[in-house]
Amino acid sequence: EKAHQYLQNAMVLIERHQQTEADATSDVKGKTGGSSSPGNAGTGAMSTAALTRILQASLLNIAYVSLCLKNPVQAVLHAKRLMELPGCPQPLVAQAHLYCAEAQCQLSRIADAQKTLSEAPDNVPPREHVAVLVGLANVHILQEEYDQAEDVIREALKI
């Protein structure tokens, strides 16, 4: 529970910082006639990139911790938020799909879990790809689709 609270605090701090930065940018644009000074651009971009990476990691970790705490609704919400972030690295997106599908299975939303896993990115490292396939096989087993589960596991074994 402490980990969940710490991650939530990190999210609040990130959002506050992003809002403060957005307000400062709009103030600078207003004072300079619509463009910010070149000296501020590099610093803001670097800070924004770092904040984005922290946000991505926080969302993924909150989804995981939510699963551990048997809070699948929160896991789905945070995983989907990560999946919707533009420019998120594919391995993180694949992991978010896994967490989301696991949470959907806990909520007895098997069809949603299957859809989530089928939408996972294909161009991820082999480890993540195998994990997605194993998750999909588990969904097939929950639906008593044993032949399909076996086919997916065979595909995973080829990787």
N, C-alpha and C. Protein backbone atom coordinates (compact mmCIF):
# COMPACT_ATOMS: atom_id res chain seq x y z
N GLU A 1 0.82 -1.20 0.00
CA GLU A 1 0.00 0.00 0.00
C GLU A 1 0.86 1.26 0.00
N LYS A 2 2.01 1.19 0.68
CA LYS A 2 2.91 2.36 0.70
C LYS A 2 3.41 2.66 -0.71
N ALA A 3 3.76 1.62 -1.44
CA ALA A 3 4.26 1.82 -2.81
C ALA A 3 3.20 2.52 -3.65
N HIS A 4 1.95 2.11 -3.50
CA HIS A 4 0.86 2.74 -4.25
C HIS A 4 0.76 4.22 -3.90
N GLN A 5 0.84 4.53 -2.62
CA GLN A 5 0.75 5.92 -2.18
C GLN A 5 1.93 6.75 -2.70
N TYR A 6 3.13 6.19 -2.65
CA TYR A 6 4.31 6.91 -3.15
C TYR A 6 4.19 7.20 -4.65
N LEU A 7 3.71 6.21 -5.38
CA LEU A 7 3.55 6.40 -6.83
C LEU A 7 2.45 7.42 -7.13
N GLN A 8 1.37 7.38 -6.35
CA GLN A 8 0.32 8.38 -6.53
C GLN A 8 0.88 9.78 -6.25
N ASN A 9 1.68 9.91 -5.20
CA ASN A 9 2.30 11.20 -4.88
C ASN A 9 3.19 11.67 -6.04
N ALA A 10 3.94 10.75 -6.61
CA ALA A 10 4.79 11.10 -7.76
C ALA A 10 3.95 11.62 -8.91
N MET A 11 2.81 10.98 -9.14
CA MET A 11 1.93 11.42 -10.23
C MET A 11 1.41 12.83 -9.98
N VAL A 12 1.03 13.12 -8.75
CA VAL A 12 0.53 14.45 -8.40
C VAL A 12 1.62 15.49 -8.62
N LEU A 13 2.83 15.18 -8.19
CA LEU A 13 3.95 16.12 -8.36
C LEU A 13 4.26 16.36 -9.84
N ILE A 14 4.23 15.31 -10.63
CA ILE A 14 4.49 15.44 -12.07
C ILE A 14 3.43 16.33 -12.70
N GLU A 15 2.18 16.07 -12.38
CA GLU A 15 1.10 16.86 -12.98
C GLU A 15 1.19 18.33 -12.55
N ARG A 16 1.54 18.58 -11.30
CA ARG A 16 1.71 19.96 -10.85
C ARG A 16 2.85 20.65 -11.58
N HIS A 17 3.96 19.92 -11.74
CA HIS A 17 5.11 20.50 -12.43
C HIS A 17 4.77 20.79 -13.89
N GLN A 18 4.07 19.87 -14.53
CA GLN A 18 3.68 20.08 -15.92
C GLN A 18 2.76 21.28 -16.05
N GLN A 19 1.84 21.44 -15.11
CA GLN A 19 0.93 22.58 -15.15
C GLN A 19 1.69 23.89 -14.93
N THR A 20 2.61 23.89 -13.97
CA THR A 20 3.43 25.08 -13.70
C THR A 20 4.25 25.44 -14.92
N GLU A 21 4.82 24.42 -15.55
CA GLU A 21 5.64 24.66 -16.75
C GLU A 21 4.78 25.19 -17.90
N ALA A 22 3.58 24.65 -18.05
CA ALA A 22 2.68 25.12 -19.11
C ALA A 22 2.26 26.57 -18.86
N ASP A 23 1.99 26.90 -17.60
CA ASP A 23 1.63 28.28 -17.25
C ASP A 23 2.79 29.23 -17.54
N ALA A 24 4.01 28.82 -17.19
CA ALA A 24 5.19 29.65 -17.42
C ALA A 24 5.42 29.85 -18.91
N THR A 25 5.21 28.81 -19.69
CA THR A 25 5.39 28.91 -21.14
C THR A 25 4.37 29.88 -21.74
N SER A 26 3.13 29.80 -21.30
CA SER A 26 2.12 30.70 -21.84
C SER A 26 2.39 32.14 -21.41
N ASP A 27 2.93 32.35 -20.20
CA ASP A 27 3.30 33.70 -19.76
C ASP A 27 4.41 34.27 -20.63
N VAL A 28 5.42 33.44 -20.93
CA VAL A 28 6.54 33.89 -21.76
C VAL A 28 6.05 34.22 -23.16
N LYS A 29 5.19 33.37 -23.70
CA LYS A 29 4.67 33.62 -25.04
C LYS A 29 3.86 34.90 -25.08
N GLY A 30 3.09 35.14 -24.05
CA GLY A 30 2.28 36.36 -24.00
C GLY A 30 3.13 37.62 -23.94
N LYS A 31 4.23 37.57 -23.20
CA LYS A 31 5.10 38.73 -23.04
C LYS A 31 6.00 38.98 -24.24
N THR A 32 6.32 37.92 -25.00
CA THR A 32 7.24 38.08 -26.13
C THR A 32 6.52 38.10 -27.46
N GLY A 33 5.23 38.18 -27.44
CA GLY A 33 4.49 38.27 -28.70
C GLY A 33 4.27 36.93 -29.36
N GLY A 34 4.24 35.85 -28.60
CA GLY A 34 3.86 34.56 -29.19
C GLY A 34 4.97 33.57 -29.32
N SER A 35 6.21 33.90 -28.98
CA SER A 35 7.27 32.90 -29.06
C SER A 35 8.11 32.96 -27.81
N SER A 36 8.57 31.81 -27.40
CA SER A 36 9.44 31.78 -26.22
C SER A 36 10.87 32.00 -26.65
N SER A 37 11.69 32.40 -25.72
CA SER A 37 13.09 32.68 -26.05
C SER A 37 13.83 31.39 -26.30
N PRO A 38 14.83 31.39 -27.21
CA PRO A 38 15.56 30.17 -27.53
C PRO A 38 16.29 29.60 -26.33
N GLY A 39 16.70 30.42 -25.40
CA GLY A 39 17.44 29.95 -24.24
C GLY A 39 16.61 29.05 -23.34
N ASN A 40 15.30 29.22 -23.32
CA ASN A 40 14.45 28.41 -22.46
C ASN A 40 14.03 27.10 -23.13
N ALA A 41 14.11 27.01 -24.44
CA ALA A 41 13.58 25.86 -25.16
C ALA A 41 14.29 24.57 -24.79
N GLY A 42 15.62 24.56 -24.75
CA GLY A 42 16.37 23.34 -24.45
C GLY A 42 16.10 22.84 -23.05
N THR A 43 16.08 23.72 -22.09
CA THR A 43 15.87 23.34 -20.71
C THR A 43 14.48 22.75 -20.52
N GLY A 44 13.47 23.39 -21.07
CA GLY A 44 12.10 22.90 -20.93
C GLY A 44 11.91 21.57 -21.61
N ALA A 45 12.48 21.39 -22.80
CA ALA A 45 12.33 20.14 -23.53
C ALA A 45 12.97 18.99 -22.77
N MET A 46 14.14 19.24 -22.21
CA MET A 46 14.83 18.18 -21.46
C MET A 46 14.03 17.82 -20.22
N SER A 47 13.54 18.81 -19.54
CA SER A 47 12.74 18.58 -18.34
C SER A 47 11.45 17.84 -18.70
N THR A 48 10.86 18.22 -19.80
CA THR A 48 9.62 17.57 -20.23
C THR A 48 9.87 16.11 -20.57
N ALA A 49 10.97 15.81 -21.24
CA ALA A 49 11.29 14.42 -21.59
C ALA A 49 11.52 13.59 -20.32
N ALA A 50 12.23 14.15 -19.37
CA ALA A 50 12.48 13.43 -18.13
C ALA A 50 11.18 13.19 -17.38
N LEU A 51 10.33 14.21 -17.33
CA LEU A 51 9.04 14.06 -16.66
C LEU A 51 8.17 13.01 -17.36
N THR A 52 8.23 12.98 -18.66
CA THR A 52 7.45 12.00 -19.42
C THR A 52 7.90 10.59 -19.08
N ARG A 53 9.22 10.37 -19.01
CA ARG A 53 9.72 9.04 -18.65
C ARG A 53 9.29 8.65 -17.22
N ILE A 54 9.34 9.61 -16.30
CA ILE A 54 8.92 9.34 -14.93
C ILE A 54 7.42 9.04 -14.89
N LEU A 55 6.66 9.79 -15.66
CA LEU A 55 5.21 9.55 -15.73
C LEU A 55 4.93 8.15 -16.26
N GLN A 56 5.61 7.76 -17.33
CA GLN A 56 5.41 6.44 -17.92
C GLN A 56 5.73 5.34 -16.90
N ALA A 57 6.87 5.48 -16.24
CA ALA A 57 7.27 4.47 -15.24
C ALA A 57 6.28 4.44 -14.08
N SER A 58 5.83 5.60 -13.66
CA SER A 58 4.87 5.66 -12.55
C SER A 58 3.56 4.98 -12.91
N LEU A 59 3.06 5.26 -14.09
CA LEU A 59 1.80 4.64 -14.52
C LEU A 59 1.92 3.12 -14.58
N LEU A 60 3.02 2.64 -15.15
CA LEU A 60 3.21 1.19 -15.25
C LEU A 60 3.32 0.57 -13.86
N ASN A 61 4.07 1.21 -12.99
CA ASN A 61 4.24 0.67 -11.64
C ASN A 61 2.96 0.74 -10.81
N ILE A 62 2.17 1.79 -11.00
CA ILE A 62 0.89 1.86 -10.28
C ILE A 62 -0.04 0.74 -10.75
N ALA A 63 -0.03 0.46 -12.05
CA ALA A 63 -0.86 -0.63 -12.56
C ALA A 63 -0.43 -1.95 -11.92
N TYR A 64 0.88 -2.18 -11.83
CA TYR A 64 1.39 -3.41 -11.22
C TYR A 64 1.03 -3.50 -9.74
N VAL A 65 1.28 -2.42 -9.01
CA VAL A 65 0.98 -2.41 -7.58
C VAL A 65 -0.52 -2.59 -7.36
N SER A 66 -1.33 -1.99 -8.21
CA SER A 66 -2.78 -2.16 -8.09
C SER A 66 -3.18 -3.62 -8.26
N LEU A 67 -2.52 -4.31 -9.19
CA LEU A 67 -2.78 -5.75 -9.34
C LEU A 67 -2.41 -6.50 -8.06
N CYS A 68 -1.25 -6.16 -7.50
CA CYS A 68 -0.80 -6.82 -6.27
C CYS A 68 -1.75 -6.57 -5.10
N LEU A 69 -2.35 -5.40 -5.08
CA LEU A 69 -3.27 -5.03 -4.01
C LEU A 69 -4.70 -5.49 -4.29
N LYS A 70 -4.86 -6.29 -5.35
CA LYS A 70 -6.19 -6.80 -5.74
C LYS A 70 -7.16 -5.66 -6.02
N ASN A 71 -6.65 -4.66 -6.73
CA ASN A 71 -7.47 -3.52 -7.14
C ASN A 71 -7.43 -3.44 -8.68
N PRO A 72 -8.13 -4.36 -9.34
CA PRO A 72 -8.04 -4.44 -10.80
C PRO A 72 -8.60 -3.22 -11.52
N VAL A 73 -9.57 -2.54 -10.93
CA VAL A 73 -10.13 -1.36 -11.60
C VAL A 73 -9.04 -0.29 -11.76
N GLN A 74 -8.29 -0.04 -10.70
CA GLN A 74 -7.21 0.94 -10.77
C GLN A 74 -6.12 0.47 -11.74
N ALA A 75 -5.85 -0.83 -11.75
CA ALA A 75 -4.84 -1.37 -12.66
C ALA A 75 -5.23 -1.11 -14.11
N VAL A 76 -6.49 -1.35 -14.44
CA VAL A 76 -6.97 -1.10 -15.81
C VAL A 76 -6.85 0.39 -16.15
N LEU A 77 -7.29 1.24 -15.24
CA LEU A 77 -7.25 2.69 -15.50
C LEU A 77 -5.84 3.18 -15.78
N HIS A 78 -4.89 2.78 -14.95
CA HIS A 78 -3.52 3.27 -15.12
C HIS A 78 -2.83 2.64 -16.33
N ALA A 79 -3.09 1.36 -16.56
CA ALA A 79 -2.50 0.71 -17.74
C ALA A 79 -3.02 1.35 -19.02
N LYS A 80 -4.32 1.61 -19.08
CA LYS A 80 -4.89 2.24 -20.28
C LYS A 80 -4.36 3.65 -20.47
N ARG A 81 -4.18 4.37 -19.38
CA ARG A 81 -3.63 5.72 -19.48
C ARG A 81 -2.23 5.67 -20.09
N LEU A 82 -1.43 4.69 -19.66
CA LEU A 82 -0.09 4.54 -20.23
C LEU A 82 -0.16 4.17 -21.71
N MET A 83 -1.07 3.26 -22.05
CA MET A 83 -1.18 2.82 -23.44
C MET A 83 -1.58 3.97 -24.37
N GLU A 84 -2.26 4.97 -23.81
CA GLU A 84 -2.73 6.10 -24.62
C GLU A 84 -1.71 7.23 -24.73
N LEU A 85 -0.62 7.15 -23.96
CA LEU A 85 0.38 8.21 -24.03
C LEU A 85 1.11 8.17 -25.37
N PRO A 86 1.19 9.30 -26.05
CA PRO A 86 1.91 9.31 -27.32
C PRO A 86 3.41 9.14 -27.10
N GLY A 87 4.04 8.39 -27.97
CA GLY A 87 5.49 8.23 -27.93
C GLY A 87 6.00 7.33 -26.84
N CYS A 88 5.14 6.56 -26.21
CA CYS A 88 5.56 5.65 -25.14
C CYS A 88 6.33 4.48 -25.76
N PRO A 89 7.47 4.10 -25.16
CA PRO A 89 8.24 2.97 -25.71
C PRO A 89 7.41 1.70 -25.79
N GLN A 90 7.58 0.96 -26.87
CA GLN A 90 6.78 -0.24 -27.13
C GLN A 90 6.87 -1.30 -26.03
N PRO A 91 8.05 -1.54 -25.43
CA PRO A 91 8.07 -2.53 -24.34
C PRO A 91 7.18 -2.12 -23.15
N LEU A 92 7.11 -0.84 -22.84
CA LEU A 92 6.24 -0.38 -21.75
C LEU A 92 4.77 -0.56 -22.14
N VAL A 93 4.46 -0.27 -23.39
CA VAL A 93 3.09 -0.43 -23.87
C VAL A 93 2.69 -1.91 -23.81
N ALA A 94 3.60 -2.80 -24.20
CA ALA A 94 3.31 -4.24 -24.15
C ALA A 94 3.07 -4.68 -22.71
N GLN A 95 3.90 -4.20 -21.79
CA GLN A 95 3.73 -4.55 -20.38
C GLN A 95 2.40 -4.02 -19.85
N ALA A 96 2.04 -2.81 -20.26
CA ALA A 96 0.76 -2.23 -19.84
C ALA A 96 -0.41 -3.08 -20.35
N HIS A 97 -0.28 -3.61 -21.57
CA HIS A 97 -1.32 -4.50 -22.09
C HIS A 97 -1.45 -5.75 -21.22
N LEU A 98 -0.31 -6.29 -20.78
CA LEU A 98 -0.34 -7.47 -19.92
C LEU A 98 -1.05 -7.17 -18.59
N TYR A 99 -0.68 -6.07 -17.97
CA TYR A 99 -1.29 -5.72 -16.68
C TYR A 99 -2.78 -5.45 -16.84
N CYS A 100 -3.12 -4.76 -17.92
CA CYS A 100 -4.53 -4.46 -18.17
C CYS A 100 -5.32 -5.74 -18.38
N ALA A 101 -4.79 -6.66 -19.16
CA ALA A 101 -5.49 -7.91 -19.43
C ALA A 101 -5.62 -8.74 -18.15
N GLU A 102 -4.56 -8.78 -17.34
CA GLU A 102 -4.63 -9.51 -16.07
C GLU A 102 -5.73 -8.94 -15.19
N ALA A 103 -5.80 -7.62 -15.11
CA ALA A 103 -6.84 -6.97 -14.31
C ALA A 103 -8.23 -7.27 -14.87
N GLN A 104 -8.35 -7.25 -16.19
CA GLN A 104 -9.64 -7.56 -16.80
C GLN A 104 -10.06 -9.00 -16.51
N CYS A 105 -9.10 -9.91 -16.47
CA CYS A 105 -9.42 -11.30 -16.09
C CYS A 105 -9.91 -11.35 -14.65
N GLN A 106 -9.27 -10.58 -13.76
CA GLN A 106 -9.72 -10.54 -12.37
C GLN A 106 -11.13 -9.99 -12.25
N LEU A 107 -11.51 -9.14 -13.19
CA LEU A 107 -12.85 -8.57 -13.20
C LEU A 107 -13.85 -9.43 -13.98
N SER A 108 -13.39 -10.61 -14.40
CA SER A 108 -14.20 -11.55 -15.21
C SER A 108 -14.62 -10.94 -16.54
N ARG A 109 -13.77 -10.09 -17.08
CA ARG A 109 -14.01 -9.50 -18.41
C ARG A 109 -13.04 -10.15 -19.40
N ILE A 110 -13.25 -11.43 -19.62
CA ILE A 110 -12.34 -12.24 -20.41
C ILE A 110 -12.25 -11.76 -21.86
N ALA A 111 -13.38 -11.43 -22.45
CA ALA A 111 -13.37 -10.95 -23.83
C ALA A 111 -12.57 -9.66 -23.95
N ASP A 112 -12.71 -8.77 -22.97
CA ASP A 112 -11.92 -7.53 -22.98
C ASP A 112 -10.43 -7.83 -22.86
N ALA A 113 -10.09 -8.81 -22.01
CA ALA A 113 -8.68 -9.19 -21.84
C ALA A 113 -8.11 -9.72 -23.15
N GLN A 114 -8.90 -10.53 -23.83
CA GLN A 114 -8.44 -11.08 -25.11
C GLN A 114 -8.22 -9.96 -26.13
N LYS A 115 -9.14 -9.01 -26.17
CA LYS A 115 -9.01 -7.89 -27.09
C LYS A 115 -7.77 -7.05 -26.73
N THR A 116 -7.56 -6.81 -25.45
CA THR A 116 -6.41 -6.03 -25.00
C THR A 116 -5.11 -6.70 -25.43
N LEU A 117 -5.02 -7.99 -25.24
CA LEU A 117 -3.79 -8.70 -25.62
C LEU A 117 -3.61 -8.75 -27.13
N SER A 118 -4.70 -8.85 -27.87
CA SER A 118 -4.58 -8.90 -29.32
C SER A 118 -4.13 -7.54 -29.88
N GLU A 119 -4.34 -6.48 -29.11
CA GLU A 119 -3.93 -5.15 -29.55
C GLU A 119 -2.52 -4.77 -29.08
N ALA A 120 -1.87 -5.67 -28.35
CA ALA A 120 -0.52 -5.39 -27.87
C ALA A 120 0.43 -5.25 -29.06
N PRO A 121 1.41 -4.38 -28.94
CA PRO A 121 2.33 -4.18 -30.06
C PRO A 121 3.12 -5.45 -30.37
N ASP A 122 3.38 -5.68 -31.66
CA ASP A 122 4.13 -6.86 -32.09
C ASP A 122 5.63 -6.62 -32.09
N ASN A 123 6.02 -5.39 -32.30
CA ASN A 123 7.45 -5.08 -32.46
C ASN A 123 8.11 -4.77 -31.11
N VAL A 124 8.04 -5.76 -30.22
CA VAL A 124 8.65 -5.61 -28.90
C VAL A 124 9.73 -6.69 -28.76
N PRO A 125 10.61 -6.52 -27.79
CA PRO A 125 11.64 -7.55 -27.57
C PRO A 125 10.99 -8.91 -27.32
N PRO A 126 11.72 -9.98 -27.62
CA PRO A 126 11.15 -11.34 -27.51
C PRO A 126 10.55 -11.65 -26.15
N ARG A 127 11.18 -11.21 -25.09
CA ARG A 127 10.67 -11.51 -23.74
C ARG A 127 9.25 -10.97 -23.56
N GLU A 128 9.03 -9.72 -23.95
CA GLU A 128 7.71 -9.13 -23.81
C GLU A 128 6.71 -9.79 -24.74
N HIS A 129 7.17 -10.16 -25.95
CA HIS A 129 6.28 -10.82 -26.91
C HIS A 129 5.82 -12.17 -26.36
N VAL A 130 6.74 -12.92 -25.79
CA VAL A 130 6.38 -14.21 -25.20
C VAL A 130 5.40 -14.01 -24.05
N ALA A 131 5.63 -12.99 -23.24
CA ALA A 131 4.73 -12.73 -22.11
C ALA A 131 3.31 -12.43 -22.59
N VAL A 132 3.20 -11.65 -23.66
CA VAL A 132 1.89 -11.34 -24.22
C VAL A 132 1.21 -12.62 -24.72
N LEU A 133 1.98 -13.47 -25.40
CA LEU A 133 1.41 -14.72 -25.91
C LEU A 133 0.97 -15.65 -24.77
N VAL A 134 1.76 -15.73 -23.70
CA VAL A 134 1.37 -16.55 -22.56
C VAL A 134 0.10 -16.00 -21.92
N GLY A 135 0.02 -14.68 -21.82
CA GLY A 135 -1.20 -14.06 -21.30
C GLY A 135 -2.41 -14.40 -22.16
N LEU A 136 -2.22 -14.35 -23.47
CA LEU A 136 -3.30 -14.68 -24.38
C LEU A 136 -3.70 -16.16 -24.24
N ALA A 137 -2.71 -17.03 -24.05
CA ALA A 137 -3.01 -18.45 -23.83
C ALA A 137 -3.83 -18.63 -22.55
N ASN A 138 -3.48 -17.89 -21.52
CA ASN A 138 -4.24 -17.97 -20.26
C ASN A 138 -5.69 -17.55 -20.46
N VAL A 139 -5.90 -16.53 -21.26
CA VAL A 139 -7.26 -16.08 -21.54
C VAL A 139 -8.03 -17.18 -22.27
N HIS A 140 -7.37 -17.81 -23.24
CA HIS A 140 -8.03 -18.92 -23.96
C HIS A 140 -8.39 -20.05 -23.00
N ILE A 141 -7.50 -20.35 -22.06
CA ILE A 141 -7.78 -21.41 -21.08
C ILE A 141 -8.97 -21.03 -20.22
N LEU A 142 -9.04 -19.78 -19.79
CA LEU A 142 -10.18 -19.33 -19.00
C LEU A 142 -11.49 -19.46 -19.76
N GLN A 143 -11.40 -19.35 -21.08
CA GLN A 143 -12.60 -19.49 -21.91
C GLN A 143 -12.81 -20.94 -22.36
N GLU A 144 -11.98 -21.84 -21.83
CA GLU A 144 -12.02 -23.26 -22.17
C GLU A 144 -11.79 -23.50 -23.66
N GLU A 145 -10.95 -22.67 -24.25
CA GLU A 145 -10.56 -22.81 -25.66
C GLU A 145 -9.15 -23.40 -25.68
N TYR A 146 -9.06 -24.68 -25.35
CA TYR A 146 -7.77 -25.32 -25.13
C TYR A 146 -6.94 -25.46 -26.40
N ASP A 147 -7.57 -25.72 -27.53
CA ASP A 147 -6.83 -25.85 -28.78
C ASP A 147 -6.18 -24.52 -29.17
N GLN A 148 -6.93 -23.44 -29.00
CA GLN A 148 -6.37 -22.12 -29.31
C GLN A 148 -5.24 -21.77 -28.34
N ALA A 149 -5.41 -22.14 -27.07
CA ALA A 149 -4.36 -21.89 -26.08
C ALA A 149 -3.09 -22.64 -26.46
N GLU A 150 -3.26 -23.88 -26.90
CA GLU A 150 -2.10 -24.67 -27.30
C GLU A 150 -1.41 -24.05 -28.50
N ASP A 151 -2.17 -23.56 -29.46
CA ASP A 151 -1.58 -22.93 -30.64
C ASP A 151 -0.76 -21.69 -30.25
N VAL A 152 -1.30 -20.91 -29.34
CA VAL A 152 -0.59 -19.68 -28.91
C VAL A 152 0.69 -20.05 -28.16
N ILE A 153 0.63 -21.08 -27.32
CA ILE A 153 1.82 -21.51 -26.58
C ILE A 153 2.88 -22.04 -27.55
N ARG A 154 2.46 -22.77 -28.57
CA ARG A 154 3.42 -23.26 -29.58
C ARG A 154 4.10 -22.07 -30.28
N GLU A 155 3.31 -21.05 -30.58
CA GLU A 155 3.88 -19.85 -31.20
C GLU A 155 4.90 -19.20 -30.26
N ALA A 156 4.57 -19.15 -28.97
CA ALA A 156 5.49 -18.56 -28.00
C ALA A 156 6.79 -19.37 -27.90
N LEU A 157 6.69 -20.68 -27.99
CA LEU A 157 7.87 -21.53 -27.90
C LEU A 157 8.81 -21.37 -29.09
N LYS A 158 8.29 -20.89 -30.20
CA LYS A 158 9.14 -20.69 -31.38
C LYS A 158 10.01 -19.45 -31.27
N ILE A 159 9.66 -18.57 -30.34
CA ILE A 159 10.41 -17.30 -30.24
C ILE A 159 11.70 -17.51 -29.47
